[in-house]
Full PDB file with SEQRES, HELIX, SHEET, SSBOND, CRYST1, ORIGX, SCALE, CONECT and MASTER records, all heavy atoms in Angstrom:
SEQRES   1 A   35  SER LYS ALA SER TYR SER PRO LYS SER TYR ASN ASN LYS          
SEQRES   2 A   35  TYR GLY VAL PRO LEU SER LEU PHE ASN ILE ASN LYS ASN          
SEQRES   3 A   35  ASP ASP PHE GLY ILE PHE GLU ILE GLY                          
HELIX    1 AA1 GLY A   15  LEU A   20  1                                   6    
SHEET    1 AA1 2 ALA A   3  TYR A   5  0                                        
SHEET    2 AA1 2 PHE A  29  ILE A  31  1                                        
CRYST1    1.000    1.000    1.000  90.00  90.00  90.00 P 1           1          
ORIGX1      1.000000  0.000000  0.000000        0.00000                         
ORIGX2      0.000000  1.000000  0.000000        0.00000                         
ORIGX3      0.000000  0.000000  1.000000        0.00000                         
SCALE1      1.000000  0.000000  0.000000        0.00000                         
SCALE2      0.000000  1.000000  0.000000        0.00000                         
SCALE3      0.000000  0.000000  1.000000        0.00000                         
ATOM      1  N   SER A   1       0.266  -8.391  15.502  1.00  0.00           N  
ATOM      2  CA  SER A   1      -0.864  -9.121  14.891  1.00  0.00           C  
ATOM      3  C   SER A   1      -1.090  -8.567  13.484  1.00  0.00           C  
ATOM      4  O   SER A   1      -0.175  -8.022  12.888  1.00  0.00           O  
ATOM      5  CB  SER A   1      -2.118  -8.950  15.760  1.00  0.00           C  
ATOM      6  OG  SER A   1      -2.418  -7.580  15.899  1.00  0.00           O  
ATOM      7  N   LYS A   2      -2.327  -8.662  12.980  1.00  0.00           N  
ATOM      8  CA  LYS A   2      -2.639  -8.109  11.644  1.00  0.00           C  
ATOM      9  C   LYS A   2      -3.709  -7.031  11.802  1.00  0.00           C  
ATOM     10  O   LYS A   2      -4.756  -7.265  12.413  1.00  0.00           O  
ATOM     11  CB  LYS A   2      -3.169  -9.219  10.718  1.00  0.00           C  
ATOM     12  CG  LYS A   2      -2.071 -10.071  10.097  1.00  0.00           C  
ATOM     13  CD  LYS A   2      -2.679 -10.929   8.984  1.00  0.00           C  
ATOM     14  CE  LYS A   2      -1.627 -11.503   8.050  1.00  0.00           C  
ATOM     15  NZ  LYS A   2      -0.705 -12.415   8.709  1.00  0.00           N  
ATOM     16  N   ALA A   3      -3.425  -5.867  11.233  1.00  0.00           N  
ATOM     17  CA  ALA A   3      -4.366  -4.753  11.383  1.00  0.00           C  
ATOM     18  C   ALA A   3      -4.464  -3.930  10.110  1.00  0.00           C  
ATOM     19  O   ALA A   3      -3.480  -3.786   9.370  1.00  0.00           O  
ATOM     20  CB  ALA A   3      -3.926  -3.857  12.535  1.00  0.00           C  
ATOM     21  N   SER A   4      -5.659  -3.396   9.847  1.00  0.00           N  
ATOM     22  CA  SER A   4      -5.853  -2.405   8.779  1.00  0.00           C  
ATOM     23  C   SER A   4      -6.282  -1.109   9.451  1.00  0.00           C  
ATOM     24  O   SER A   4      -7.000  -1.125  10.444  1.00  0.00           O  
ATOM     25  CB  SER A   4      -6.956  -2.844   7.816  1.00  0.00           C  
ATOM     26  OG  SER A   4      -6.502  -3.905   7.025  1.00  0.00           O  
ATOM     27  N   TYR A   5      -5.840   0.012   8.881  1.00  0.00           N  
ATOM     28  CA  TYR A   5      -6.299   1.293   9.457  1.00  0.00           C  
ATOM     29  C   TYR A   5      -6.520   2.291   8.341  1.00  0.00           C  
ATOM     30  O   TYR A   5      -5.934   2.192   7.269  1.00  0.00           O  
ATOM     31  CB  TYR A   5      -5.319   1.824  10.511  1.00  0.00           C  
ATOM     32  CG  TYR A   5      -3.863   1.862  10.126  1.00  0.00           C  
ATOM     33  CD1 TYR A   5      -3.269   3.065   9.785  1.00  0.00           C  
ATOM     34  CD2 TYR A   5      -3.069   0.713  10.145  1.00  0.00           C  
ATOM     35  CE1 TYR A   5      -1.923   3.120   9.471  1.00  0.00           C  
ATOM     36  CE2 TYR A   5      -1.722   0.760   9.835  1.00  0.00           C  
ATOM     37  CZ  TYR A   5      -1.146   1.976   9.496  1.00  0.00           C  
ATOM     38  OH  TYR A   5       0.184   2.034   9.182  1.00  0.00           O  
ATOM     39  N   SER A   6      -7.413   3.254   8.624  1.00  0.00           N  
ATOM     40  CA  SER A   6      -7.843   4.183   7.574  1.00  0.00           C  
ATOM     41  C   SER A   6      -6.680   5.018   7.073  1.00  0.00           C  
ATOM     42  O   SER A   6      -5.839   5.461   7.853  1.00  0.00           O  
ATOM     43  CB  SER A   6      -8.970   5.092   8.080  1.00  0.00           C  
ATOM     44  OG  SER A   6      -8.580   5.773   9.248  1.00  0.00           O  
ATOM     45  N   PRO A   7      -6.602   5.224   5.737  1.00  0.00           N  
ATOM     46  CA  PRO A   7      -5.491   6.015   5.186  1.00  0.00           C  
ATOM     47  C   PRO A   7      -5.656   7.500   5.481  1.00  0.00           C  
ATOM     48  O   PRO A   7      -6.774   7.999   5.559  1.00  0.00           O  
ATOM     49  CB  PRO A   7      -5.595   5.748   3.681  1.00  0.00           C  
ATOM     50  CG  PRO A   7      -7.006   5.344   3.450  1.00  0.00           C  
ATOM     51  CD  PRO A   7      -7.519   4.739   4.715  1.00  0.00           C  
ATOM     52  N   LYS A   8      -4.561   8.186   5.694  1.00  0.00           N  
ATOM     53  CA  LYS A   8      -4.530   9.645   5.904  1.00  0.00           C  
ATOM     54  C   LYS A   8      -5.597  10.067   6.913  1.00  0.00           C  
ATOM     55  O   LYS A   8      -5.736   9.468   7.958  1.00  0.00           O  
ATOM     56  CB  LYS A   8      -4.664  10.371   4.561  1.00  0.00           C  
ATOM     57  CG  LYS A   8      -3.525  10.078   3.614  1.00  0.00           C  
ATOM     58  CD  LYS A   8      -3.657  10.826   2.319  1.00  0.00           C  
ATOM     59  CE  LYS A   8      -2.522  10.469   1.371  1.00  0.00           C  
ATOM     60  NZ  LYS A   8      -2.665  11.116   0.074  1.00  0.00           N  
ATOM     61  N   SER A   9      -6.339  11.134   6.582  1.00  0.00           N  
ATOM     62  CA  SER A   9      -7.404  11.583   7.503  1.00  0.00           C  
ATOM     63  C   SER A   9      -8.771  11.246   6.917  1.00  0.00           C  
ATOM     64  O   SER A   9      -9.627  12.115   6.736  1.00  0.00           O  
ATOM     65  CB  SER A   9      -7.299  13.093   7.731  1.00  0.00           C  
ATOM     66  OG  SER A   9      -6.167  13.384   8.465  1.00  0.00           O  
ATOM     67  N   TYR A  10      -8.967   9.983   6.600  1.00  0.00           N  
ATOM     68  CA  TYR A  10     -10.263   9.549   6.042  1.00  0.00           C  
ATOM     69  C   TYR A  10     -11.267   9.423   7.182  1.00  0.00           C  
ATOM     70  O   TYR A  10     -11.535   8.349   7.677  1.00  0.00           O  
ATOM     71  CB  TYR A  10     -10.082   8.193   5.330  1.00  0.00           C  
ATOM     72  CG  TYR A  10      -9.600   8.302   3.893  1.00  0.00           C  
ATOM     73  CD1 TYR A  10      -8.722   9.296   3.507  1.00  0.00           C  
ATOM     74  CD2 TYR A  10     -10.041   7.409   2.920  1.00  0.00           C  
ATOM     75  CE1 TYR A  10      -8.276   9.398   2.202  1.00  0.00           C  
ATOM     76  CE2 TYR A  10      -9.591   7.502   1.597  1.00  0.00           C  
ATOM     77  CZ  TYR A  10      -8.712   8.508   1.250  1.00  0.00           C  
ATOM     78  OH  TYR A  10      -8.268   8.611  -0.044  1.00  0.00           O  
ATOM     79  N   ASN A  11     -11.863  10.564   7.568  1.00  0.00           N  
ATOM     80  CA  ASN A  11     -12.704  10.509   8.770  1.00  0.00           C  
ATOM     81  C   ASN A  11     -14.077  11.141   8.600  1.00  0.00           C  
ATOM     82  O   ASN A  11     -14.761  11.414   9.566  1.00  0.00           O  
ATOM     83  CB  ASN A  11     -11.972  11.175   9.938  1.00  0.00           C  
ATOM     84  CG  ASN A  11     -11.643  12.644   9.698  1.00  0.00           C  
ATOM     85  OD1 ASN A  11     -12.248  13.291   8.856  1.00  0.00           O  
ATOM     86  ND2 ASN A  11     -10.677  13.150  10.448  1.00  0.00           N  
ATOM     87  N   ASN A  12     -14.498  11.356   7.306  1.00  0.00           N  
ATOM     88  CA  ASN A  12     -15.808  11.964   7.091  1.00  0.00           C  
ATOM     89  C   ASN A  12     -16.769  10.961   6.419  1.00  0.00           C  
ATOM     90  O   ASN A  12     -16.488   9.776   6.324  1.00  0.00           O  
ATOM     91  CB  ASN A  12     -15.697  13.254   6.279  1.00  0.00           C  
ATOM     92  CG  ASN A  12     -15.085  13.020   4.894  1.00  0.00           C  
ATOM     93  OD1 ASN A  12     -15.021  11.880   4.416  1.00  0.00           O  
ATOM     94  ND2 ASN A  12     -14.655  14.084   4.254  1.00  0.00           N  
ATOM     95  N   LYS A  13     -17.900  11.472   5.913  1.00  0.00           N  
ATOM     96  CA  LYS A  13     -18.955  10.571   5.371  1.00  0.00           C  
ATOM     97  C   LYS A  13     -18.500   9.794   4.150  1.00  0.00           C  
ATOM     98  O   LYS A  13     -19.098   8.780   3.788  1.00  0.00           O  
ATOM     99  CB  LYS A  13     -20.237  11.353   5.076  1.00  0.00           C  
ATOM    100  CG  LYS A  13     -20.103  12.422   4.013  1.00  0.00           C  
ATOM    101  CD  LYS A  13     -21.425  13.148   3.832  1.00  0.00           C  
ATOM    102  CE  LYS A  13     -21.291  14.268   2.796  1.00  0.00           C  
ATOM    103  NZ  LYS A  13     -22.547  14.999   2.637  1.00  0.00           N  
ATOM    104  N   TYR A  14     -17.437  10.278   3.468  1.00  0.00           N  
ATOM    105  CA  TYR A  14     -16.880   9.513   2.345  1.00  0.00           C  
ATOM    106  C   TYR A  14     -15.688   8.668   2.804  1.00  0.00           C  
ATOM    107  O   TYR A  14     -15.527   7.524   2.407  1.00  0.00           O  
ATOM    108  CB  TYR A  14     -16.411  10.477   1.223  1.00  0.00           C  
ATOM    109  CG  TYR A  14     -17.506  11.383   0.730  1.00  0.00           C  
ATOM    110  CD1 TYR A  14     -17.470  12.758   0.997  1.00  0.00           C  
ATOM    111  CD2 TYR A  14     -18.610  10.891   0.022  1.00  0.00           C  
ATOM    112  CE1 TYR A  14     -18.482  13.614   0.564  1.00  0.00           C  
ATOM    113  CE2 TYR A  14     -19.623  11.735  -0.410  1.00  0.00           C  
ATOM    114  CZ  TYR A  14     -19.554  13.087  -0.144  1.00  0.00           C  
ATOM    115  OH  TYR A  14     -20.558  13.917  -0.569  1.00  0.00           O  
ATOM    116  N   GLY A  15     -14.866   9.263   3.633  1.00  0.00           N  
ATOM    117  CA  GLY A  15     -13.640   8.597   4.060  1.00  0.00           C  
ATOM    118  C   GLY A  15     -13.856   7.363   4.907  1.00  0.00           C  
ATOM    119  O   GLY A  15     -13.163   6.350   4.736  1.00  0.00           O  
ATOM    120  N   VAL A  16     -14.837   7.428   5.814  1.00  0.00           N  
ATOM    121  CA  VAL A  16     -15.087   6.277   6.706  1.00  0.00           C  
ATOM    122  C   VAL A  16     -15.547   5.043   5.923  1.00  0.00           C  
ATOM    123  O   VAL A  16     -14.972   3.967   6.070  1.00  0.00           O  
ATOM    124  CB  VAL A  16     -16.061   6.656   7.851  1.00  0.00           C  
ATOM    125  CG1 VAL A  16     -16.567   5.414   8.576  1.00  0.00           C  
ATOM    126  CG2 VAL A  16     -15.374   7.587   8.848  1.00  0.00           C  
ATOM    127  N   PRO A  17     -16.575   5.164   5.050  1.00  0.00           N  
ATOM    128  CA  PRO A  17     -16.963   3.982   4.264  1.00  0.00           C  
ATOM    129  C   PRO A  17     -15.811   3.444   3.395  1.00  0.00           C  
ATOM    130  O   PRO A  17     -15.591   2.234   3.305  1.00  0.00           O  
ATOM    131  CB  PRO A  17     -18.111   4.488   3.392  1.00  0.00           C  
ATOM    132  CG  PRO A  17     -18.665   5.649   4.110  1.00  0.00           C  
ATOM    133  CD  PRO A  17     -17.495   6.289   4.804  1.00  0.00           C  
ATOM    134  N   LEU A  18     -15.038   4.354   2.776  1.00  0.00           N  
ATOM    135  CA  LEU A  18     -13.903   3.921   1.949  1.00  0.00           C  
ATOM    136  C   LEU A  18     -12.863   3.177   2.788  1.00  0.00           C  
ATOM    137  O   LEU A  18     -12.268   2.205   2.339  1.00  0.00           O  
ATOM    138  CB  LEU A  18     -13.253   5.127   1.256  1.00  0.00           C  
ATOM    139  CG  LEU A  18     -14.009   5.715   0.066  1.00  0.00           C  
ATOM    140  CD1 LEU A  18     -13.388   7.035  -0.361  1.00  0.00           C  
ATOM    141  CD2 LEU A  18     -14.051   4.746  -1.111  1.00  0.00           C  
ATOM    142  N   SER A  19     -12.673   3.642   4.023  1.00  0.00           N  
ATOM    143  CA  SER A  19     -11.707   2.998   4.921  1.00  0.00           C  
ATOM    144  C   SER A  19     -12.133   1.578   5.256  1.00  0.00           C  
ATOM    145  O   SER A  19     -11.294   0.687   5.402  1.00  0.00           O  
ATOM    146  CB  SER A  19     -11.568   3.791   6.220  1.00  0.00           C  
ATOM    147  OG  SER A  19     -11.076   5.076   5.951  1.00  0.00           O  
ATOM    148  N   LEU A  20     -13.439   1.360   5.383  1.00  0.00           N  
ATOM    149  CA  LEU A  20     -13.940   0.008   5.694  1.00  0.00           C  
ATOM    150  C   LEU A  20     -13.629  -0.966   4.571  1.00  0.00           C  
ATOM    151  O   LEU A  20     -13.483  -2.165   4.798  1.00  0.00           O  
ATOM    152  CB  LEU A  20     -15.438   0.048   5.989  1.00  0.00           C  
ATOM    153  CG  LEU A  20     -15.801   0.425   7.437  1.00  0.00           C  
ATOM    154  CD1 LEU A  20     -17.222   0.940   7.533  1.00  0.00           C  
ATOM    155  CD2 LEU A  20     -15.607  -0.749   8.385  1.00  0.00           C  
ATOM    156  N   PHE A  21     -13.504  -0.441   3.331  1.00  0.00           N  
ATOM    157  CA  PHE A  21     -13.153  -1.305   2.197  1.00  0.00           C  
ATOM    158  C   PHE A  21     -11.752  -1.900   2.353  1.00  0.00           C  
ATOM    159  O   PHE A  21     -11.400  -2.876   1.711  1.00  0.00           O  
ATOM    160  CB  PHE A  21     -13.193  -0.519   0.876  1.00  0.00           C  
ATOM    161  CG  PHE A  21     -14.593  -0.162   0.414  1.00  0.00           C  
ATOM    162  CD1 PHE A  21     -15.706  -0.436   1.202  1.00  0.00           C  
ATOM    163  CD2 PHE A  21     -14.792   0.448  -0.813  1.00  0.00           C  
ATOM    164  CE1 PHE A  21     -16.979  -0.095   0.773  1.00  0.00           C  
ATOM    165  CE2 PHE A  21     -16.073   0.792  -1.258  1.00  0.00           C  
ATOM    166  CZ  PHE A  21     -17.167   0.513  -0.450  1.00  0.00           C  
ATOM    167  N   ASN A  22     -10.940  -1.277   3.220  1.00  0.00           N  
ATOM    168  CA  ASN A  22      -9.558  -1.731   3.396  1.00  0.00           C  
ATOM    169  C   ASN A  22      -9.411  -2.941   4.299  1.00  0.00           C  
ATOM    170  O   ASN A  22      -8.341  -3.527   4.400  1.00  0.00           O  
ATOM    171  CB  ASN A  22      -8.703  -0.608   4.012  1.00  0.00           C  
ATOM    172  CG  ASN A  22      -8.334   0.444   2.988  1.00  0.00           C  
ATOM    173  OD1 ASN A  22      -8.401   0.176   1.793  1.00  0.00           O  
ATOM    174  ND2 ASN A  22      -7.953   1.623   3.438  1.00  0.00           N  
ATOM    175  N   ILE A  23     -10.473  -3.260   5.031  1.00  0.00           N  
ATOM    176  CA  ILE A  23     -10.366  -4.376   5.979  1.00  0.00           C  
ATOM    177  C   ILE A  23     -10.143  -5.696   5.224  1.00  0.00           C  
ATOM    178  O   ILE A  23     -10.827  -5.979   4.240  1.00  0.00           O  
ATOM    179  CB  ILE A  23     -11.653  -4.503   6.845  1.00  0.00           C  
ATOM    180  CG1 ILE A  23     -11.756  -3.322   7.800  1.00  0.00           C  
ATOM    181  CG2 ILE A  23     -11.651  -5.784   7.659  1.00  0.00           C  
ATOM    182  CD1 ILE A  23     -12.884  -3.420   8.792  1.00  0.00           C  
ATOM    183  N   ASN A  24      -9.168  -6.456   5.682  1.00  0.00           N  
ATOM    184  CA  ASN A  24      -8.885  -7.768   5.080  1.00  0.00           C  
ATOM    185  C   ASN A  24      -9.550  -8.862   5.905  1.00  0.00           C  
ATOM    186  O   ASN A  24      -9.796  -8.688   7.103  1.00  0.00           O  
ATOM    187  CB  ASN A  24      -7.370  -8.008   5.031  1.00  0.00           C  
ATOM    188  CG  ASN A  24      -6.694  -6.998   4.111  1.00  0.00           C  
ATOM    189  OD1 ASN A  24      -7.135  -6.774   3.003  1.00  0.00           O  
ATOM    190  ND2 ASN A  24      -5.639  -6.364   4.616  1.00  0.00           N  
ATOM    191  N   LYS A  25      -9.805  -9.984   5.247  1.00  0.00           N  
ATOM    192  CA  LYS A  25     -10.499 -11.100   5.906  1.00  0.00           C  
ATOM    193  C   LYS A  25      -9.765 -11.603   7.155  1.00  0.00           C  
ATOM    194  O   LYS A  25     -10.386 -11.963   8.143  1.00  0.00           O  
ATOM    195  CB  LYS A  25     -10.632 -12.248   4.899  1.00  0.00           C  
ATOM    196  CG  LYS A  25     -12.037 -12.802   4.857  1.00  0.00           C  
ATOM    197  CD  LYS A  25     -12.160 -13.846   3.771  1.00  0.00           C  
ATOM    198  CE  LYS A  25     -13.548 -13.756   3.137  1.00  0.00           C  
ATOM    199  NZ  LYS A  25     -13.671 -14.596   1.946  1.00  0.00           N  
ATOM    200  N   ASN A  26      -8.435 -11.610   7.064  1.00  0.00           N  
ATOM    201  CA  ASN A  26      -7.677 -12.186   8.189  1.00  0.00           C  
ATOM    202  C   ASN A  26      -7.160 -11.138   9.171  1.00  0.00           C  
ATOM    203  O   ASN A  26      -6.290 -11.416   9.988  1.00  0.00           O  
ATOM    204  CB  ASN A  26      -6.496 -13.028   7.656  1.00  0.00           C  
ATOM    205  CG  ASN A  26      -5.602 -12.219   6.732  1.00  0.00           C  
ATOM    206  OD1 ASN A  26      -5.930 -11.101   6.361  1.00  0.00           O  
ATOM    207  ND2 ASN A  26      -4.465 -12.798   6.355  1.00  0.00           N  
ATOM    208  N   ASP A  27      -7.702  -9.914   9.121  1.00  0.00           N  
ATOM    209  CA  ASP A  27      -7.284  -8.884  10.084  1.00  0.00           C  
ATOM    210  C   ASP A  27      -7.795  -9.198  11.480  1.00  0.00           C  
ATOM    211  O   ASP A  27      -8.949  -9.615  11.656  1.00  0.00           O  
ATOM    212  CB  ASP A  27      -7.843  -7.508   9.672  1.00  0.00           C  
ATOM    213  CG  ASP A  27      -6.997  -6.834   8.605  1.00  0.00           C  
ATOM    214  OD1 ASP A  27      -5.821  -7.194   8.479  1.00  0.00           O  
ATOM    215  OD2 ASP A  27      -7.524  -5.942   7.908  1.00  0.00           O  
ATOM    216  N   ASP A  28      -6.935  -8.954  12.463  1.00  0.00           N  
ATOM    217  CA  ASP A  28      -7.372  -9.062  13.869  1.00  0.00           C  
ATOM    218  C   ASP A  28      -7.961  -7.739  14.351  1.00  0.00           C  
ATOM    219  O   ASP A  28      -8.789  -7.706  15.250  1.00  0.00           O  
ATOM    220  CB  ASP A  28      -6.175  -9.410  14.768  1.00  0.00           C  
ATOM    221  CG  ASP A  28      -5.513 -10.718  14.354  1.00  0.00           C  
ATOM    222  OD1 ASP A  28      -6.234 -11.719  14.286  1.00  0.00           O  
ATOM    223  OD2 ASP A  28      -4.292 -10.712  14.082  1.00  0.00           O  
ATOM    224  N   PHE A  29      -7.501  -6.636  13.734  1.00  0.00           N  
ATOM    225  CA  PHE A  29      -7.929  -5.319  14.169  1.00  0.00           C  
ATOM    226  C   PHE A  29      -8.189  -4.396  12.985  1.00  0.00           C  
ATOM    227  O   PHE A  29      -7.512  -4.481  11.970  1.00  0.00           O  
ATOM    228  CB  PHE A  29      -6.859  -4.660  15.065  1.00  0.00           C  
ATOM    229  CG  PHE A  29      -6.590  -5.421  16.325  1.00  0.00           C  
ATOM    230  CD1 PHE A  29      -5.538  -6.326  16.398  1.00  0.00           C  
ATOM    231  CD2 PHE A  29      -7.410  -5.273  17.448  1.00  0.00           C  
ATOM    232  CE1 PHE A  29      -5.285  -7.050  17.552  1.00  0.00           C  
ATOM    233  CE2 PHE A  29      -7.166  -5.994  18.603  1.00  0.00           C  
ATOM    234  CZ  PHE A  29      -6.110  -6.891  18.665  1.00  0.00           C  
ATOM    235  N   GLY A  30      -9.179  -3.532  13.153  1.00  0.00           N  
ATOM    236  CA  GLY A  30      -9.448  -2.458  12.197  1.00  0.00           C  
ATOM    237  C   GLY A  30      -9.510  -1.164  12.986  1.00  0.00           C  
ATOM    238  O   GLY A  30     -10.194  -1.104  14.017  1.00  0.00           O  
ATOM    239  N   ILE A  31      -8.779  -0.137  12.551  1.00  0.00           N  
ATOM    240  CA  ILE A  31      -8.702   1.106  13.316  1.00  0.00           C  
ATOM    241  C   ILE A  31      -9.149   2.269  12.442  1.00  0.00           C  
ATOM    242  O   ILE A  31      -8.628   2.471  11.334  1.00  0.00           O  
ATOM    243  CB  ILE A  31      -7.255   1.339  13.831  1.00  0.00           C  
ATOM    244  CG1 ILE A  31      -6.781   0.119  14.623  1.00  0.00           C  
ATOM    245  CG2 ILE A  31      -7.192   2.584  14.712  1.00  0.00           C  
ATOM    246  CD1 ILE A  31      -5.347  -0.237  14.413  1.00  0.00           C  
ATOM    247  N   PHE A  32     -10.103   3.036  12.935  1.00  0.00           N  
ATOM    248  CA  PHE A  32     -10.712   4.110  12.161  1.00  0.00           C  
ATOM    249  C   PHE A  32     -10.777   5.394  12.966  1.00  0.00           C  
ATOM    250  O   PHE A  32     -10.830   5.356  14.186  1.00  0.00           O  
ATOM    251  CB  PHE A  32     -12.145   3.711  11.729  1.00  0.00           C  
ATOM    252  CG  PHE A  32     -12.172   2.424  10.967  1.00  0.00           C  
ATOM    253  CD1 PHE A  32     -12.333   1.223  11.626  1.00  0.00           C  
ATOM    254  CD2 PHE A  32     -11.995   2.415   9.602  1.00  0.00           C  
ATOM    255  CE1 PHE A  32     -12.318   0.014  10.940  1.00  0.00           C  
ATOM    256  CE2 PHE A  32     -11.985   1.218   8.889  1.00  0.00           C  
ATOM    257  CZ  PHE A  32     -12.143   0.015   9.561  1.00  0.00           C  
ATOM    258  N   GLU A  33     -10.793   6.517  12.253  1.00  0.00           N  
ATOM    259  CA  GLU A  33     -11.000   7.786  12.943  1.00  0.00           C  
ATOM    260  C   GLU A  33     -12.295   8.423  12.483  1.00  0.00           C  
ATOM    261  O   GLU A  33     -12.717   8.244  11.333  1.00  0.00           O  
ATOM    262  CB  GLU A  33      -9.815   8.737  12.759  1.00  0.00           C  
ATOM    263  CG  GLU A  33      -9.516   9.133  11.350  1.00  0.00           C  
ATOM    264  CD  GLU A  33      -8.395  10.176  11.277  1.00  0.00           C  
ATOM    265  OE1 GLU A  33      -8.593  11.305  11.770  1.00  0.00           O  
ATOM    266  OE2 GLU A  33      -7.336   9.861  10.708  1.00  0.00           O  
ATOM    267  N   ILE A  34     -12.911   9.146  13.401  1.00  0.00           N  
ATOM    268  CA  ILE A  34     -14.201   9.792  13.109  1.00  0.00           C  
ATOM    269  C   ILE A  34     -14.060  11.287  13.377  1.00  0.00           C  
ATOM    270  O   ILE A  34     -13.793  11.714  14.494  1.00  0.00           O  
ATOM    271  CB  ILE A  34     -15.332   9.223  14.010  1.00  0.00           C  
ATOM    272  CG1 ILE A  34     -15.528   7.723  13.715  1.00  0.00           C  
ATOM    273  CG2 ILE A  34     -16.630   9.979  13.784  1.00  0.00           C  
ATOM    274  CD1 ILE A  34     -16.541   7.048  14.626  1.00  0.00           C  
ATOM    275  N   GLY A  35     -14.242  12.080  12.317  1.00  0.00           N  
ATOM    276  CA  GLY A  35     -14.209  13.527  12.473  1.00  0.00           C  
ATOM    277  C   GLY A  35     -15.609  14.105  12.439  1.00  0.00           C  
ATOM    278  O   GLY A  35     -16.588  13.382  12.228  1.00  0.00           O  
TER     279      GLY A  35                                                      
MASTER        0    0    0    1    2    0    0    6  278    1    0    3          
END                                                                             
Protein backbone atom coordinates (compact mmCIF):
# COMPACT_ATOMS: atom_id res chain seq x y z
CA SER A 1 0.00 0.00 0.00
CA LYS A 2 1.22 3.59 0.62
CA ALA A 3 2.88 4.50 3.89
CA SER A 4 4.95 7.29 5.46
CA TYR A 5 7.13 6.68 8.49
CA SER A 6 9.25 8.86 10.73
CA PRO A 7 12.86 9.34 9.59
CA LYS A 8 15.72 7.91 11.69
CA SER A 9 14.93 8.07 15.43
CA TYR A 10 12.57 11.04 15.34
CA ASN A 11 10.82 10.10 18.55
CA ASN A 12 10.97 13.11 20.89
CA LYS A 13 9.05 16.41 21.32
CA TYR A 14 10.68 17.82 18.16
CA GLY A 15 10.96 14.65 16.11
CA VAL A 16 7.36 13.49 16.45
CA PRO A 17 5.75 16.74 15.18
CA LEU A 18 8.31 16.92 12.33
CA SER A 19 7.50 13.32 11.41
CA LEU A 20 3.81 14.18 11.10
CA PHE A 21 4.77 16.73 8.42
CA ASN A 22 5.83 13.74 6.28
CA ILE A 23 2.35 12.30 5.96
CA ASN A 24 1.03 12.48 2.40
CA LYS A 25 -2.61 12.98 1.48
CA ASN A 26 -2.92 9.60 -0.21
CA ASP A 27 -1.11 7.55 2.47
CA ASP A 28 -2.93 4.50 3.81
CA PHE A 29 -0.61 4.27 6.81
CA GLY A 30 1.54 6.51 8.98
CA ILE A 31 4.06 4.88 11.33
CA PHE A 32 5.70 6.72 14.21
CA GLU A 33 7.91 5.93 17.17
CA ILE A 34 7.62 7.43 20.63
CA GLY A 35 10.63 7.66 22.92
